[in-house]
């Protein structure tokens, strides 16, 4: 079995060390990936000075180049975001905007630099909108060159107009746990497949 690695970018608006439902969901995805032999790491993007822009390096103090290097060395990217006002949060949008710079970056074979990398999305929120947020994130990640596995997302949304968070649940609902496990299983399988059968050069 290929030695795979995964990186979770948690796009919570809440800085560490405060609890975060998005981070908890990301941790659950990473736990499942680890059960398939994947080595994992994570970071909370809001803890880093990621400057706005669409270049690889936006200059003095920009933390994105270091985060990008971690993405480039990982086989699987887990992008975790809360829903705010029916949309991905601003931190997740900034990650996507920074990844835009890699649309024109290629590897030694002339392929887009993110080819061969797998991405899955994890969403939490207290309102409907998980499908829209997933669609927005997956489309952007696919545009950049990430491959999305079958059913490559997991989510939990609470009842509308209520205040219960994912981190406040006594246990993870069975359907959500099964969806998380399936997304991780498919991501690990796809990443292993792409290490042995990479996309052809153009």
C-alpha atoms as a PDB file:
ATOM      1  CA  UNK A   1       0.000   0.000   0.000  1.00  0.00           C
ATOM      2  CA  UNK A   2       1.237   3.461  -0.892  1.00  0.00           C
ATOM      3  CA  UNK A   3       2.373   5.646   1.973  1.00  0.00           C
ATOM      4  CA  UNK A   4      -0.246   8.397   1.806  1.00  0.00           C
ATOM      5  CA  UNK A   5      -0.508  11.695   3.655  1.00  0.00           C
ATOM      6  CA  UNK A   6      -3.452  14.008   4.234  1.00  0.00           C
ATOM      7  CA  UNK A   7      -3.679  17.630   5.310  1.00  0.00           C
ATOM      8  CA  UNK A   8      -6.834  19.175   6.753  1.00  0.00           C
ATOM      9  CA  UNK A   9      -7.330  22.908   6.383  1.00  0.00           C
ATOM     10  CA  UNK A  10      -9.923  23.931   8.948  1.00  0.00           C
ATOM     11  CA  UNK A  11     -11.574  27.195   7.900  1.00  0.00           C
ATOM     12  CA  UNK A  12     -13.274  28.031  11.187  1.00  0.00           C
ATOM     13  CA  UNK A  13     -13.576  31.727  11.994  1.00  0.00           C
ATOM     14  CA  UNK A  14     -12.624  30.861  15.577  1.00  0.00           C
ATOM     15  CA  UNK A  15      -8.901  31.022  16.445  1.00  0.00           C
ATOM     16  CA  UNK A  16      -7.188  28.294  18.466  1.00  0.00           C
ATOM     17  CA  UNK A  17      -7.406  27.132  21.175  1.00  0.00           C
ATOM     18  CA  UNK A  18     -11.152  27.748  21.273  1.00  0.00           C
ATOM     19  CA  UNK A  19     -13.292  24.725  20.350  1.00  0.00           C
ATOM     20  CA  UNK A  20     -14.449  24.525  16.738  1.00  0.00           C
ATOM     21  CA  UNK A  21     -17.125  22.331  15.180  1.00  0.00           C
ATOM     22  CA  UNK A  22     -15.347  22.545  11.823  1.00  0.00           C
ATOM     23  CA  UNK A  23     -12.120  21.337  13.400  1.00  0.00           C
ATOM     24  CA  UNK A  24     -13.952  18.490  15.124  1.00  0.00           C
ATOM     25  CA  UNK A  25     -15.496  17.417  11.817  1.00  0.00           C
ATOM     26  CA  UNK A  26     -12.073  17.604  10.155  1.00  0.00           C
ATOM     27  CA  UNK A  27     -10.634  15.493  12.972  1.00  0.00           C
ATOM     28  CA  UNK A  28     -13.305  12.863  12.412  1.00  0.00           C
ATOM     29  CA  UNK A  29     -12.394  12.726   8.706  1.00  0.00           C
ATOM     30  CA  UNK A  30      -8.683  12.426   9.550  1.00  0.00           C
ATOM     31  CA  UNK A  31      -9.412   9.652  12.058  1.00  0.00           C
ATOM     32  CA  UNK A  32     -11.134   7.698   9.299  1.00  0.00           C
ATOM     33  CA  UNK A  33      -8.256   8.328   6.892  1.00  0.00           C
ATOM     34  CA  UNK A  34      -5.812   7.088   9.520  1.00  0.00           C
ATOM     35  CA  UNK A  35      -7.793   3.838   9.710  1.00  0.00           C
ATOM     36  CA  UNK A  36      -6.823   3.357   6.039  1.00  0.00           C
ATOM     37  CA  UNK A  37      -3.134   3.865   6.691  1.00  0.00           C
ATOM     38  CA  UNK A  38      -2.968   7.569   5.868  1.00  0.00           C
ATOM     39  CA  UNK A  39      -0.661   9.830   7.887  1.00  0.00           C
ATOM     40  CA  UNK A  40      -2.464  13.058   8.753  1.00  0.00           C
ATOM     41  CA  UNK A  41      -1.868  16.649   9.810  1.00  0.00           C
ATOM     42  CA  UNK A  42      -4.109  19.657  10.230  1.00  0.00           C
ATOM     43  CA  UNK A  43      -4.042  23.384  10.749  1.00  0.00           C
ATOM     44  CA  UNK A  44      -6.601  26.076  11.485  1.00  0.00           C
ATOM     45  CA  UNK A  45      -6.173  28.665   8.744  1.00  0.00           C
ATOM     46  CA  UNK A  46      -7.365  31.596  10.869  1.00  0.00           C
ATOM     47  CA  UNK A  47      -4.319  31.091  13.118  1.00  0.00           C
ATOM     48  CA  UNK A  48      -2.074  32.087  10.201  1.00  0.00           C
ATOM     49  CA  UNK A  49      -1.683  35.416   8.421  1.00  0.00           C
ATOM     50  CA  UNK A  50      -3.048  34.389   5.017  1.00  0.00           C
ATOM     51  CA  UNK A  51      -3.187  37.620   3.036  1.00  0.00           C
ATOM     52  CA  UNK A  52      -5.910  38.305   0.472  1.00  0.00           C
ATOM     53  CA  UNK A  53      -4.948  37.906  -3.163  1.00  0.00           C
ATOM     54  CA  UNK A  54      -4.582  35.466  -6.036  1.00  0.00           C
ATOM     55  CA  UNK A  55      -0.815  35.077  -6.191  1.00  0.00           C
ATOM     56  CA  UNK A  56       1.311  32.292  -4.728  1.00  0.00           C
ATOM     57  CA  UNK A  57       3.081  34.796  -2.467  1.00  0.00           C
ATOM     58  CA  UNK A  58       1.500  38.110  -1.537  1.00  0.00           C
ATOM     59  CA  UNK A  59       4.673  39.418   0.062  1.00  0.00           C
ATOM     60  CA  UNK A  60       5.847  40.351   3.541  1.00  0.00           C
ATOM     61  CA  UNK A  61       4.160  38.415   6.315  1.00  0.00           C
ATOM     62  CA  UNK A  62       2.081  36.193   4.027  1.00  0.00           C
ATOM     63  CA  UNK A  63       1.692  32.741   5.575  1.00  0.00           C
ATOM     64  CA  UNK A  64       0.133  31.164   2.486  1.00  0.00           C
ATOM     65  CA  UNK A  65       3.401  30.005   0.819  1.00  0.00           C
ATOM     66  CA  UNK A  66       4.159  27.780   3.823  1.00  0.00           C
ATOM     67  CA  UNK A  67       0.627  26.372   3.852  1.00  0.00           C
ATOM     68  CA  UNK A  68       0.816  25.798   0.103  1.00  0.00           C
ATOM     69  CA  UNK A  69       3.986  23.742   0.570  1.00  0.00           C
ATOM     70  CA  UNK A  70       2.110  21.494   2.976  1.00  0.00           C
ATOM     71  CA  UNK A  71      -0.662  21.064   0.388  1.00  0.00           C
ATOM     72  CA  UNK A  72       1.900  20.186  -2.281  1.00  0.00           C
ATOM     73  CA  UNK A  73       3.447  17.469  -0.130  1.00  0.00           C
ATOM     74  CA  UNK A  74       0.084  15.893   0.810  1.00  0.00           C
ATOM     75  CA  UNK A  75      -1.806  13.324  -1.264  1.00  0.00           C
ATOM     76  CA  UNK A  76      -5.209  14.266   0.174  1.00  0.00           C
ATOM     77  CA  UNK A  77      -6.595  17.670   1.099  1.00  0.00           C
ATOM     78  CA  UNK A  78      -9.501  17.917   3.528  1.00  0.00           C
ATOM     79  CA  UNK A  79     -11.174  21.322   3.357  1.00  0.00           C
ATOM     80  CA  UNK A  80     -13.463  21.899   6.342  1.00  0.00           C
ATOM     81  CA  UNK A  81     -15.738  24.926   6.519  1.00  0.00           C
ATOM     82  CA  UNK A  82     -18.721  26.159   8.485  1.00  0.00           C
ATOM     83  CA  UNK A  83     -21.765  27.594   6.760  1.00  0.00           C
ATOM     84  CA  UNK A  84     -22.326  31.308   7.300  1.00  0.00           C
ATOM     85  CA  UNK A  85     -25.334  33.066   5.760  1.00  0.00           C
ATOM     86  CA  UNK A  86     -25.809  30.073   3.483  1.00  0.00           C
ATOM     87  CA  UNK A  87     -22.275  30.257   2.062  1.00  0.00           C
ATOM     88  CA  UNK A  88     -18.788  28.873   2.776  1.00  0.00           C
ATOM     89  CA  UNK A  89     -17.104  31.055   5.374  1.00  0.00           C
ATOM     90  CA  UNK A  90     -14.745  33.840   4.320  1.00  0.00           C
ATOM     91  CA  UNK A  91     -11.667  31.838   5.353  1.00  0.00           C
ATOM     92  CA  UNK A  92     -12.629  28.995   3.010  1.00  0.00           C
ATOM     93  CA  UNK A  93     -13.210  31.496   0.216  1.00  0.00           C
ATOM     94  CA  UNK A  94      -9.765  32.966   0.830  1.00  0.00           C
ATOM     95  CA  UNK A  95      -8.184  29.503   0.595  1.00  0.00           C
ATOM     96  CA  UNK A  96      -9.901  28.989  -2.752  1.00  0.00           C
ATOM     97  CA  UNK A  97      -8.780  32.410  -3.968  1.00  0.00           C
ATOM     98  CA  UNK A  98      -5.184  31.661  -3.015  1.00  0.00           C
ATOM     99  CA  UNK A  99      -5.332  28.288  -4.772  1.00  0.00           C
ATOM    100  CA  UNK A 100      -6.363  30.159  -7.921  1.00  0.00           C
ATOM    101  CA  UNK A 101      -2.694  30.991  -8.504  1.00  0.00           C
ATOM    102  CA  UNK A 102      -2.002  27.308  -9.083  1.00  0.00           C
ATOM    103  CA  UNK A 103      -4.246  27.151 -12.144  1.00  0.00           C
ATOM    104  CA  UNK A 104      -1.184  28.069 -14.214  1.00  0.00           C
ATOM    105  CA  UNK A 105       1.412  26.038 -12.274  1.00  0.00           C
ATOM    106  CA  UNK A 106       2.575  22.726 -13.779  1.00  0.00           C
ATOM    107  CA  UNK A 107       4.701  19.754 -12.760  1.00  0.00           C
ATOM    108  CA  UNK A 108       7.743  18.394 -14.598  1.00  0.00           C
ATOM    109  CA  UNK A 109       5.464  16.560 -17.059  1.00  0.00           C
ATOM    110  CA  UNK A 110       3.531  19.729 -17.867  1.00  0.00           C
ATOM    111  CA  UNK A 111       0.425  18.700 -15.929  1.00  0.00           C
ATOM    112  CA  UNK A 112      -1.397  21.095 -13.574  1.00  0.00           C
ATOM    113  CA  UNK A 113       0.494  20.930 -10.301  1.00  0.00           C
ATOM    114  CA  UNK A 114      -2.476  19.703  -8.245  1.00  0.00           C
ATOM    115  CA  UNK A 115      -3.148  16.767 -10.588  1.00  0.00           C
ATOM    116  CA  UNK A 116      -2.890  13.512  -8.692  1.00  0.00           C
ATOM    117  CA  UNK A 117      -4.106  15.070  -5.453  1.00  0.00           C
ATOM    118  CA  UNK A 118      -7.471  14.142  -3.964  1.00  0.00           C
ATOM    119  CA  UNK A 119      -9.729  16.611  -2.150  1.00  0.00           C
ATOM    120  CA  UNK A 120     -12.741  16.086   0.066  1.00  0.00           C
ATOM    121  CA  UNK A 121     -14.958  18.651   1.743  1.00  0.00           C
ATOM    122  CA  UNK A 122     -16.408  18.675   5.264  1.00  0.00           C
ATOM    123  CA  UNK A 123     -19.186  21.108   6.200  1.00  0.00           C
ATOM    124  CA  UNK A 124     -20.907  22.030   9.454  1.00  0.00           C
ATOM    125  CA  UNK A 125     -23.613  24.556  10.154  1.00  0.00           C
ATOM    126  CA  UNK A 126     -26.880  25.405  11.814  1.00  0.00           C
ATOM    127  CA  UNK A 127     -28.920  25.960   8.685  1.00  0.00           C
ATOM    128  CA  UNK A 128     -29.617  24.361   5.357  1.00  0.00           C
ATOM    129  CA  UNK A 129     -26.949  24.937   2.723  1.00  0.00           C
ATOM    130  CA  UNK A 130     -24.524  22.031   3.041  1.00  0.00           C
ATOM    131  CA  UNK A 131     -25.118  20.896  -0.552  1.00  0.00           C
ATOM    132  CA  UNK A 132     -24.524  24.388  -1.938  1.00  0.00           C
ATOM    133  CA  UNK A 133     -21.376  24.907   0.130  1.00  0.00           C
ATOM    134  CA  UNK A 134     -20.074  21.476  -0.918  1.00  0.00           C
ATOM    135  CA  UNK A 135     -20.810  22.246  -4.568  1.00  0.00           C
ATOM    136  CA  UNK A 136     -19.011  25.604  -4.381  1.00  0.00           C
ATOM    137  CA  UNK A 137     -15.921  24.132  -2.748  1.00  0.00           C
ATOM    138  CA  UNK A 138     -15.733  20.988  -4.884  1.00  0.00           C
ATOM    139  CA  UNK A 139     -16.115  22.893  -8.143  1.00  0.00           C
ATOM    140  CA  UNK A 140     -13.312  25.276  -7.187  1.00  0.00           C
ATOM    141  CA  UNK A 141     -11.014  22.462  -6.055  1.00  0.00           C
ATOM    142  CA  UNK A 142     -11.701  20.516  -9.241  1.00  0.00           C
ATOM    143  CA  UNK A 143     -10.964  23.597 -11.359  1.00  0.00           C
ATOM    144  CA  UNK A 144      -7.536  23.862  -9.731  1.00  0.00           C
ATOM    145  CA  UNK A 145      -6.808  20.205 -10.532  1.00  0.00           C
ATOM    146  CA  UNK A 146      -7.787  18.214  -7.452  1.00  0.00           C
ATOM    147  CA  UNK A 147      -9.676  14.976  -8.048  1.00  0.00           C
ATOM    148  CA  UNK A 148     -12.928  14.529  -6.124  1.00  0.00           C
ATOM    149  CA  UNK A 149     -13.784  10.943  -5.098  1.00  0.00           C
ATOM    150  CA  UNK A 150     -17.253   9.453  -5.317  1.00  0.00           C
ATOM    151  CA  UNK A 151     -19.391  10.945  -2.537  1.00  0.00           C
ATOM    152  CA  UNK A 152     -16.327  12.936  -1.507  1.00  0.00           C
ATOM    153  CA  UNK A 153     -17.929  15.115   1.135  1.00  0.00           C
ATOM    154  CA  UNK A 154     -19.473  14.883   4.557  1.00  0.00           C
ATOM    155  CA  UNK A 155     -21.648  17.301   6.462  1.00  0.00           C
ATOM    156  CA  UNK A 156     -23.835  17.953   9.463  1.00  0.00           C
ATOM    157  CA  UNK A 157     -26.387  20.741   9.715  1.00  0.00           C
ATOM    158  CA  UNK A 158     -28.531  21.427  12.746  1.00  0.00           C
ATOM    159  CA  UNK A 159     -32.151  22.363  12.792  1.00  0.00           C
ATOM    160  CA  UNK A 160     -32.913  25.791  11.315  1.00  0.00           C
ATOM    161  CA  UNK A 161     -33.131  28.687  13.777  1.00  0.00           C
ATOM    162  CA  UNK A 162     -31.521  26.643  16.559  1.00  0.00           C
ATOM    163  CA  UNK A 163     -28.143  27.065  18.246  1.00  0.00           C
ATOM    164  CA  UNK A 164     -26.899  23.492  18.612  1.00  0.00           C
ATOM    165  CA  UNK A 165     -23.372  23.013  17.228  1.00  0.00           C
ATOM    166  CA  UNK A 166     -21.749  19.838  15.960  1.00  0.00           C
ATOM    167  CA  UNK A 167     -19.337  19.950  18.884  1.00  0.00           C
ATOM    168  CA  UNK A 168     -22.308  20.023  21.292  1.00  0.00           C
ATOM    169  CA  UNK A 169     -23.749  16.696  20.130  1.00  0.00           C
ATOM    170  CA  UNK A 170     -23.657  13.810  22.592  1.00  0.00           C
ATOM    171  CA  UNK A 171     -22.680  11.527  19.713  1.00  0.00           C
ATOM    172  CA  UNK A 172     -22.213  11.790  15.973  1.00  0.00           C
ATOM    173  CA  UNK A 173     -25.405  10.846  14.124  1.00  0.00           C
ATOM    174  CA  UNK A 174     -25.156   7.453  12.432  1.00  0.00           C
ATOM    175  CA  UNK A 175     -25.762   8.850   8.939  1.00  0.00           C
ATOM    176  CA  UNK A 176     -23.087  11.520   9.346  1.00  0.00           C
ATOM    177  CA  UNK A 177     -20.571   9.011  10.728  1.00  0.00           C
ATOM    178  CA  UNK A 178     -21.257   6.633   7.832  1.00  0.00           C
ATOM    179  CA  UNK A 179     -20.912   9.449   5.299  1.00  0.00           C
ATOM    180  CA  UNK A 180     -17.617  10.575   6.848  1.00  0.00           C
ATOM    181  CA  UNK A 181     -16.282   7.020   6.779  1.00  0.00           C
ATOM    182  CA  UNK A 182     -17.312   6.572   3.148  1.00  0.00           C
ATOM    183  CA  UNK A 183     -15.731   9.832   2.005  1.00  0.00           C
ATOM    184  CA  UNK A 184     -12.449   8.953   3.738  1.00  0.00           C
ATOM    185  CA  UNK A 185     -12.455   5.390   2.380  1.00  0.00           C
ATOM    186  CA  UNK A 186     -13.042   6.566  -1.179  1.00  0.00           C
ATOM    187  CA  UNK A 187     -10.452   9.341  -0.875  1.00  0.00           C
ATOM    188  CA  UNK A 188      -7.768   6.915   0.327  1.00  0.00           C
ATOM    189  CA  UNK A 189      -8.613   4.453  -2.458  1.00  0.00           C
ATOM    190  CA  UNK A 190      -8.514   7.142  -5.126  1.00  0.00           C
ATOM    191  CA  UNK A 191      -5.255   8.630  -3.855  1.00  0.00           C
ATOM    192  CA  UNK A 192      -3.608   5.194  -3.923  1.00  0.00           C
ATOM    193  CA  UNK A 193      -4.893   4.634  -7.442  1.00  0.00           C
ATOM    194  CA  UNK A 194      -3.472   7.938  -8.640  1.00  0.00           C
ATOM    195  CA  UNK A 195      -0.033   7.178  -7.167  1.00  0.00           C
ATOM    196  CA  UNK A 196       0.220   4.062  -9.341  1.00  0.00           C
ATOM    197  CA  UNK A 197      -1.744   5.321 -12.374  1.00  0.00           C
ATOM    198  CA  UNK A 198      -1.165   9.091 -12.651  1.00  0.00           C
ATOM    199  CA  UNK A 199      -2.924  11.294 -15.155  1.00  0.00           C
ATOM    200  CA  UNK A 200      -1.234  11.347 -18.578  1.00  0.00           C
ATOM    201  CA  UNK A 201       0.813  14.349 -19.641  1.00  0.00           C
ATOM    202  CA  UNK A 202      -0.809  16.655 -22.175  1.00  0.00           C
END
